[in-house]
N, C-alpha and C. Protein backbone atom coordinates (compact mmCIF):
# COMPACT_ATOMS: atom_id res chain seq x y z
N UNK A 1 0.94 -1.39 -0.02
CA UNK A 1 -0.11 0.05 0.20
C UNK A 1 0.93 1.15 -0.10
N UNK A 2 0.35 2.11 -0.82
CA UNK A 2 1.08 3.21 -1.40
C UNK A 2 1.03 4.26 0.34
N UNK A 3 1.89 5.02 0.89
CA UNK A 3 1.59 6.17 1.67
C UNK A 3 0.61 7.16 1.98
N UNK A 4 0.56 7.60 0.07
CA UNK A 4 -1.07 8.18 -0.11
C UNK A 4 -2.15 7.42 0.25
N UNK A 5 -2.25 6.24 0.02
CA UNK A 5 -3.75 5.59 0.53
C UNK A 5 -3.66 5.17 1.99
N UNK A 6 -2.41 4.77 2.40
CA UNK A 6 -2.59 5.03 4.11
C UNK A 6 -2.99 6.21 4.97
N UNK A 7 -2.92 7.33 4.20
CA UNK A 7 -3.12 8.84 4.78
C UNK A 7 -4.64 8.81 4.81
N UNK A 8 -5.00 8.14 3.55
CA UNK A 8 -6.29 8.91 3.06
C UNK A 8 -7.50 7.80 3.91
N UNK A 9 -7.08 6.44 4.11
CA UNK A 9 -7.52 5.55 4.44
C UNK A 9 -7.76 5.88 6.23
N UNK A 10 -6.62 6.18 7.03
CA UNK A 10 -6.67 6.30 8.20
C UNK A 10 -7.58 7.38 8.51
N UNK A 11 -6.95 8.89 7.53
CA UNK A 11 -8.18 10.18 7.80
C UNK A 11 -9.80 9.70 8.18
N UNK A 12 -10.53 8.79 6.82
CA UNK A 12 -11.36 8.69 6.76
C UNK A 12 -11.75 7.54 7.96
N UNK A 13 -10.81 6.86 8.42
CA UNK A 13 -11.28 5.84 9.80
C UNK A 13 -11.79 6.86 10.95
N UNK A 14 -10.56 7.91 10.99
CA UNK A 14 -11.26 9.02 12.25
C UNK A 14 -11.47 10.16 11.89
N UNK A 15 -12.83 9.87 10.69
CA UNK A 15 -13.70 11.23 10.32
C UNK A 15 -12.73 12.02 10.17
N UNK A 16 -11.77 13.04 9.64
CA UNK A 16 -11.28 13.83 9.90
C UNK A 16 -11.26 14.53 8.19
N UNK A 17 -11.44 15.61 8.03
CA UNK A 17 -11.45 16.33 6.66
C UNK A 17 -10.04 16.40 6.52
N UNK A 18 -9.66 16.91 5.42
CA UNK A 18 -8.14 17.09 5.18
C UNK A 18 -7.80 18.60 5.83
N UNK A 19 -8.84 19.12 5.98
CA UNK A 19 -8.21 20.28 6.42
C UNK A 19 -8.49 20.77 7.86
N UNK A 20 -8.89 19.54 8.70
CA UNK A 20 -8.85 19.22 9.83
C UNK A 20 -7.57 18.19 10.36
N UNK A 21 -6.81 17.45 9.33
CA UNK A 21 -5.88 16.54 9.70
C UNK A 21 -4.49 17.90 9.11
N UNK A 22 -4.77 18.51 8.80
CA UNK A 22 -3.68 19.58 8.14
C UNK A 22 -3.86 20.43 9.20
N UNK A 23 -4.70 21.23 10.04
CA UNK A 23 -4.40 21.97 10.97
C UNK A 23 -3.66 21.37 12.16
N UNK A 24 -4.41 19.81 12.46
CA UNK A 24 -3.73 19.45 13.57
C UNK A 24 -2.01 18.82 13.61
N UNK A 25 -1.59 18.83 12.20
CA UNK A 25 -0.49 18.40 12.06
C UNK A 25 0.49 19.46 11.65
N UNK A 26 -0.69 20.94 11.69
CA UNK A 26 0.64 21.87 11.22
C UNK A 26 1.26 21.92 9.98
N UNK A 27 0.14 21.47 9.10
CA UNK A 27 0.94 21.80 7.60
C UNK A 27 0.11 22.44 6.99
N UNK A 28 0.33 22.42 5.53
CA UNK A 28 -1.00 23.12 5.08
C UNK A 28 -1.97 22.17 4.14
N UNK A 29 -3.12 22.69 3.68
CA UNK A 29 -4.27 21.77 3.21
C UNK A 29 -3.84 21.51 2.10
N UNK A 30 -2.58 21.86 1.21
CA UNK A 30 -2.24 21.21 -0.17
C UNK A 30 -1.33 20.55 0.08
N UNK A 31 -0.50 20.62 1.34
CA UNK A 31 0.58 19.18 1.57
C UNK A 31 -0.63 18.12 1.48
N UNK A 32 -1.41 17.92 2.67
CA UNK A 32 -2.41 16.84 2.64
C UNK A 32 -3.13 16.43 1.40
N UNK A 33 -3.64 17.22 0.44
CA UNK A 33 -4.42 16.83 -0.87
C UNK A 33 -3.31 16.79 -1.70
N UNK A 34 -1.96 17.16 -1.66
CA UNK A 34 -0.90 16.84 -2.53
C UNK A 34 -0.66 15.03 -2.29
N UNK A 35 -0.74 14.69 -0.90
CA UNK A 35 0.14 13.71 -0.39
C UNK A 35 -0.84 12.44 -1.16
N UNK A 36 -2.20 12.71 -0.60
CA UNK A 36 -3.28 11.93 -0.48
C UNK A 36 -3.84 11.77 -2.51
N UNK A 37 -3.22 12.73 -3.24
CA UNK A 37 -3.16 12.20 -4.51
C UNK A 37 -1.92 11.75 -4.96
N UNK A 38 -0.80 11.69 -4.17
CA UNK A 38 0.17 10.50 -4.70
C UNK A 38 1.18 11.93 -5.52
N UNK A 39 0.94 13.09 -5.11
CA UNK A 39 1.56 14.26 -6.04
C UNK A 39 2.83 14.92 -5.47
N UNK A 40 2.97 14.02 -4.45
CA UNK A 40 3.97 14.69 -3.15
C UNK A 40 5.53 13.69 -2.53
N UNK A 41 6.32 14.13 -2.52
CA UNK A 41 7.38 13.11 -1.38
C UNK A 41 7.65 14.51 -0.18
N UNK A 42 6.62 13.67 0.78
CA UNK A 42 7.16 15.11 1.97
C UNK A 42 8.43 14.52 2.35
N UNK A 43 8.67 15.52 3.30
CA UNK A 43 9.73 15.45 4.27
C UNK A 43 9.20 14.59 5.34
N UNK A 44 10.34 13.51 6.02
CA UNK A 44 9.92 12.97 7.38
C UNK A 44 9.48 13.60 7.90
N UNK A 45 9.91 14.84 8.12
CA UNK A 45 8.99 15.53 9.49
C UNK A 45 7.31 16.06 9.25
N UNK A 46 7.21 15.98 7.59
CA UNK A 46 5.67 16.46 7.66
C UNK A 46 5.57 14.85 7.97
N UNK A 47 5.73 13.87 7.38
CA UNK A 47 5.11 12.63 7.25
C UNK A 47 5.19 12.45 8.89
N UNK A 48 5.67 12.26 9.68
CA UNK A 48 5.51 12.14 11.03
C UNK A 48 4.85 13.00 11.71
N UNK A 49 4.50 14.20 12.14
CA UNK A 49 3.56 14.66 11.77
C UNK A 49 2.13 14.54 11.09
N UNK A 50 1.90 14.02 10.39
CA UNK A 50 0.55 13.80 9.74
C UNK A 50 0.36 12.71 10.63
N UNK A 51 1.34 11.51 10.36
CA UNK A 51 0.97 10.08 11.14
C UNK A 51 0.74 10.25 12.41
N UNK A 52 1.21 11.13 13.18
CA UNK A 52 1.47 11.47 14.53
C UNK A 52 -0.50 11.50 15.09
N UNK A 53 -0.57 12.41 14.07
CA UNK A 53 -2.12 13.19 14.39
C UNK A 53 -3.06 11.93 14.36
N UNK A 54 -3.07 10.94 12.71
CA UNK A 54 -3.47 10.00 12.75
C UNK A 54 -3.56 8.24 13.38
N UNK A 55 -2.28 9.02 14.76
CA UNK A 55 -2.20 8.03 15.62
C UNK A 55 -1.31 6.44 15.05
N UNK A 56 -0.54 6.92 14.10
CA UNK A 56 0.39 6.07 12.97
C UNK A 56 1.75 6.23 13.57
N UNK A 57 2.95 5.40 12.99
CA UNK A 57 4.14 5.66 12.79
C UNK A 57 4.83 5.06 11.78
N UNK A 58 6.09 5.95 11.70
CA UNK A 58 6.97 5.35 10.13
C UNK A 58 7.97 4.07 11.17
N UNK A 59 7.93 3.00 10.09
CA UNK A 59 8.90 1.96 10.76
C UNK A 59 10.04 1.84 9.53
N UNK A 60 11.24 2.04 9.78
CA UNK A 60 12.05 1.80 8.40
C UNK A 60 13.22 0.50 8.77
N UNK A 61 12.71 -0.14 8.01
CA UNK A 61 13.40 -1.47 8.07
C UNK A 61 14.69 -1.62 6.70
N UNK A 62 15.77 -2.45 6.70
CA UNK A 62 16.89 -2.30 5.60
C UNK A 62 16.02 -3.85 5.04
N UNK A 63 16.17 -3.64 3.82
CA UNK A 63 16.05 -5.28 3.02
C UNK A 63 17.47 -5.63 2.64
N UNK A 64 17.51 -7.03 2.39
CA UNK A 64 18.51 -7.36 1.84
C UNK A 64 18.50 -7.23 0.54
N UNK A 65 19.16 -7.15 -0.09
CA UNK A 65 19.98 -6.50 -1.69
C UNK A 65 20.14 -7.68 -2.56
N UNK A 66 18.83 -7.96 -3.19
CA UNK A 66 18.96 -9.14 -4.07
C UNK A 66 19.82 -8.53 -5.42
N UNK A 67 21.30 -9.08 -5.45
CA UNK A 67 21.74 -8.53 -6.48
C UNK A 67 21.77 -9.39 -7.44
N UNK A 68 21.02 -10.47 -7.71
CA UNK A 68 20.98 -11.17 -8.85
C UNK A 68 19.67 -10.65 -9.62
N UNK A 69 18.61 -10.29 -8.60
CA UNK A 69 17.56 -9.20 -9.56
C UNK A 69 17.91 -8.20 -9.94
N UNK A 70 18.68 -7.12 -9.41
CA UNK A 70 19.61 -6.10 -10.03
C UNK A 70 20.00 -6.30 -11.04
N UNK A 71 21.12 -7.13 -11.27
CA UNK A 71 21.86 -7.67 -12.51
C UNK A 71 20.72 -7.98 -13.82
N UNK A 72 20.08 -9.07 -13.47
CA UNK A 72 18.74 -8.87 -14.56
C UNK A 72 17.90 -8.22 -14.60
N UNK A 73 17.42 -7.08 -13.88
CA UNK A 73 16.85 -5.84 -14.29
C UNK A 73 17.50 -5.04 -14.97
N UNK A 74 19.25 -5.11 -15.35
CA UNK A 74 20.13 -4.43 -16.16
C UNK A 74 21.06 -3.53 -15.53
N UNK A 75 21.02 -3.55 -13.92
CA UNK A 75 21.83 -2.89 -13.45
C UNK A 75 23.36 -3.10 -13.80
N UNK A 76 24.59 -2.72 -14.03
CA UNK A 76 25.54 -2.92 -14.27
C UNK A 76 26.34 -3.53 -13.54
N UNK A 77 26.15 -4.60 -12.50
CA UNK A 77 26.89 -5.73 -11.82
C UNK A 77 27.49 -7.09 -11.74
N UNK A 78 28.17 -7.59 -11.42
CA UNK A 78 27.93 -8.95 -11.48
C UNK A 78 27.41 -9.63 -10.34
N UNK A 79 26.73 -10.63 -10.23
CA UNK A 79 26.41 -11.49 -9.57
C UNK A 79 27.57 -12.68 -9.21
N UNK A 80 26.98 -13.40 -8.36
CA UNK A 80 27.62 -14.65 -7.78
C UNK A 80 28.19 -15.50 -8.71
N UNK A 81 26.97 -15.89 -9.92
CA UNK A 81 27.63 -17.06 -10.89
C UNK A 81 28.36 -16.26 -12.01
N UNK A 82 27.86 -14.90 -12.30
CA UNK A 82 28.79 -14.15 -13.37
C UNK A 82 30.20 -13.98 -12.91
N UNK A 83 30.33 -13.79 -11.38
CA UNK A 83 31.91 -13.29 -11.18
C UNK A 83 32.60 -14.43 -11.42
N UNK A 84 32.22 -15.34 -11.05
CA UNK A 84 32.97 -16.66 -11.56
C UNK A 84 33.87 -16.81 -12.54
N UNK A 85 33.04 -16.44 -13.53
CA UNK A 85 33.58 -16.37 -14.83
C UNK A 85 34.48 -15.24 -15.19
N UNK A 86 34.44 -13.78 -14.36
CA UNK A 86 35.51 -13.11 -14.21
C UNK A 86 36.62 -13.19 -13.31
N UNK A 87 37.08 -14.11 -12.61
CA UNK A 87 37.68 -14.75 -11.76
C UNK A 87 39.35 -15.09 -12.74
N UNK A 88 38.86 -15.60 -13.70
CA UNK A 88 40.73 -15.86 -14.54
C UNK A 88 41.23 -14.60 -14.74
N UNK A 89 40.41 -13.69 -14.93
CA UNK A 89 40.54 -12.34 -15.86
C UNK A 89 41.09 -11.44 -14.58
N UNK A 90 40.82 -11.49 -12.71
CA UNK A 90 41.56 -10.52 -12.26
C UNK A 90 42.35 -10.08 -12.71
N UNK A 91 43.65 -10.69 -12.56
CA UNK A 91 44.76 -10.35 -12.84
C UNK A 91 45.52 -9.30 -14.17
N UNK A 92 44.21 -9.76 -15.12
CA UNK A 92 44.40 -8.63 -16.21
C UNK A 92 43.59 -7.59 -15.76
N UNK A 93 42.42 -7.52 -15.17
CA UNK A 93 41.95 -6.34 -14.63
C UNK A 93 42.92 -5.57 -13.95
N UNK A 94 43.56 -6.38 -13.10
CA UNK A 94 44.86 -5.25 -12.35
C UNK A 94 45.52 -4.74 -13.16
N UNK A 95 46.48 -5.30 -13.96
CA UNK A 95 47.43 -4.97 -14.93
C UNK A 95 46.85 -4.27 -15.56
N UNK A 96 45.28 -3.94 -16.54
CA UNK A 96 44.84 -2.77 -16.79
C UNK A 96 44.80 -1.65 -16.21
N UNK A 97 44.44 -1.48 -14.61
CA UNK A 97 44.45 -0.67 -14.07
C UNK A 97 45.70 0.30 -13.57
N UNK A 98 46.87 -0.90 -13.46
CA UNK A 98 48.29 -0.24 -13.17
C UNK A 98 48.79 0.62 -14.73
N UNK A 99 48.02 0.04 -15.57
CA UNK A 99 48.59 0.57 -17.12
C UNK A 99 47.94 2.22 -17.54
N UNK A 100 46.68 1.96 -16.23
CA UNK A 100 45.74 3.43 -16.28
C UNK A 100 46.55 4.49 -15.39
N UNK A 101 47.05 4.04 -14.38
CA UNK A 101 47.63 4.96 -13.86
C UNK A 101 48.40 6.16 -13.88
N UNK A 102 49.46 5.90 -14.93
CA UNK A 102 50.15 6.50 -15.25
C UNK A 102 49.96 7.38 -16.89
N UNK A 103 49.15 7.08 -17.42
CA UNK A 103 48.72 7.30 -18.71
C UNK A 103 48.28 8.49 -19.15
N UNK A 104 48.69 9.28 -20.08
CA UNK A 104 48.08 10.36 -20.96
C UNK A 104 46.68 9.55 -21.69
N UNK A 105 45.80 10.90 -21.61
CA UNK A 105 44.58 10.17 -22.69
C UNK A 105 44.32 10.99 -23.64
N UNK A 106 44.12 10.69 -24.70
CA UNK A 106 43.79 11.60 -25.98
C UNK A 106 43.01 12.10 -25.69
N UNK A 107 41.58 12.10 -25.02
CA UNK A 107 40.21 12.70 -25.09
C UNK A 107 39.47 12.70 -24.19
N UNK A 108 38.62 13.14 -23.70
CA UNK A 108 37.65 13.07 -22.41
C UNK A 108 37.27 11.81 -22.49
N UNK A 109 36.52 11.29 -23.99
CA UNK A 109 35.78 10.10 -23.24
C UNK A 109 36.90 8.95 -22.89
N UNK A 110 37.79 9.07 -23.49
CA UNK A 110 38.87 7.84 -23.33
C UNK A 110 39.43 8.08 -21.63
N UNK A 111 39.36 9.16 -21.05
CA UNK A 111 39.58 9.59 -19.73
C UNK A 111 38.39 8.77 -19.14
N UNK A 112 37.03 9.50 -19.42
CA UNK A 112 35.73 8.95 -18.71
C UNK A 112 35.98 7.18 -18.41
N UNK A 113 36.30 6.50 -19.54
CA UNK A 113 36.16 4.99 -20.00
C UNK A 113 37.21 4.60 -18.96
N UNK A 114 38.23 5.20 -18.45
CA UNK A 114 39.48 4.97 -17.87
C UNK A 114 38.67 4.86 -16.60
N UNK A 115 38.34 6.11 -16.18
CA UNK A 115 37.57 6.01 -15.12
C UNK A 115 36.43 5.35 -14.43
N UNK A 116 35.83 4.81 -15.62
CA UNK A 116 34.70 3.70 -15.26
C UNK A 116 35.32 2.56 -14.65
N UNK A 117 36.19 2.15 -15.64
CA UNK A 117 37.02 0.83 -15.44
C UNK A 117 37.17 0.84 -14.31
N UNK A 118 38.08 2.00 -13.34
CA UNK A 118 38.80 2.14 -12.27
C UNK A 118 37.50 2.00 -10.84
N UNK A 119 36.27 2.53 -11.29
CA UNK A 119 35.05 2.49 -10.67
C UNK A 119 34.30 1.02 -10.53
N UNK A 120 34.82 0.45 -11.54
CA UNK A 120 34.10 -0.57 -11.57
C UNK A 120 34.74 -1.87 -10.82
N UNK A 121 36.22 -1.26 -11.20
CA UNK A 121 37.38 -2.54 -10.21
C UNK A 121 36.79 -2.21 -8.50
N UNK A 122 36.57 -0.90 -8.15
CA UNK A 122 36.42 -0.63 -7.25
C UNK A 122 35.31 -1.17 -6.55
N UNK A 123 34.21 -0.99 -7.25
CA UNK A 123 32.98 -2.00 -6.98
C UNK A 123 32.96 -3.42 -6.65
N UNK A 124 34.06 -3.85 -7.94
CA UNK A 124 34.49 -5.38 -7.35
C UNK A 124 35.09 -5.90 -6.02
N UNK A 125 35.64 -4.81 -5.91
CA UNK A 125 36.64 -5.19 -4.52
C UNK A 125 35.93 -5.06 -3.53
N UNK A 126 34.45 -3.86 -3.36
CA UNK A 126 33.77 -3.43 -2.17
C UNK A 126 32.43 -5.03 -2.31
N UNK A 127 32.33 -5.26 -3.34
CA UNK A 127 31.31 -6.73 -3.50
C UNK A 127 31.87 -7.81 -3.24
N UNK A 128 32.95 -8.29 -3.56
CA UNK A 128 34.13 -9.59 -3.19
C UNK A 128 35.41 -9.29 -2.91
N UNK A 129 35.07 -8.69 -1.09
CA UNK A 129 36.37 -8.38 -0.82
C UNK A 129 37.27 -9.25 -0.35
N UNK A 130 37.08 -10.60 -0.63
CA UNK A 130 37.65 -11.56 -0.49
C UNK A 130 38.47 -12.32 -1.36
N UNK A 131 38.50 -11.75 -2.52
CA UNK A 131 39.11 -12.16 -3.54
C UNK A 131 39.93 -11.51 -4.08
N UNK A 132 39.93 -9.42 -3.40
CA UNK A 132 40.93 -8.70 -3.98
C UNK A 132 42.24 -8.85 -2.93
C-alpha cells in the first residue's frame, strides 16, 4: 500500500477532513491534498506529523539486496554466478588498472572510460572483498 492510500484510509477512519488533518499536523491543506493524490514526496518530519495525528508511526527497515535481481533488471554489476566467469581475468584487470594510472589520455571520452573501469574495479573489490 502506498503512503497516499494509507493516509487517506487512516484519515477517513478517524472521520477527519483533509483540512482538519492539516490543521492538527500544522501543515498546509495543499500538502495533505497532494500527498493523498500521490503528487508529493513529503519531508520525513511532515510525514511524522501527519502520522502522529492519525495515531500511526513510521518504521524503517533495511532490506537484503537481491544482487541477482538487480543484474537481471540491467544494473551493471556482477552476480555470484557471473563473477566466477571473471575470476580468471582478475590479474588482467589489475594490470589494466596499473597501466591506466600513469597514462596520458587522448580525449575526455577515453579518460572517462578509464575512470569507469576504475570505478568498476572498486565496486568489485567492495562486493567481493575476499577475492581482492
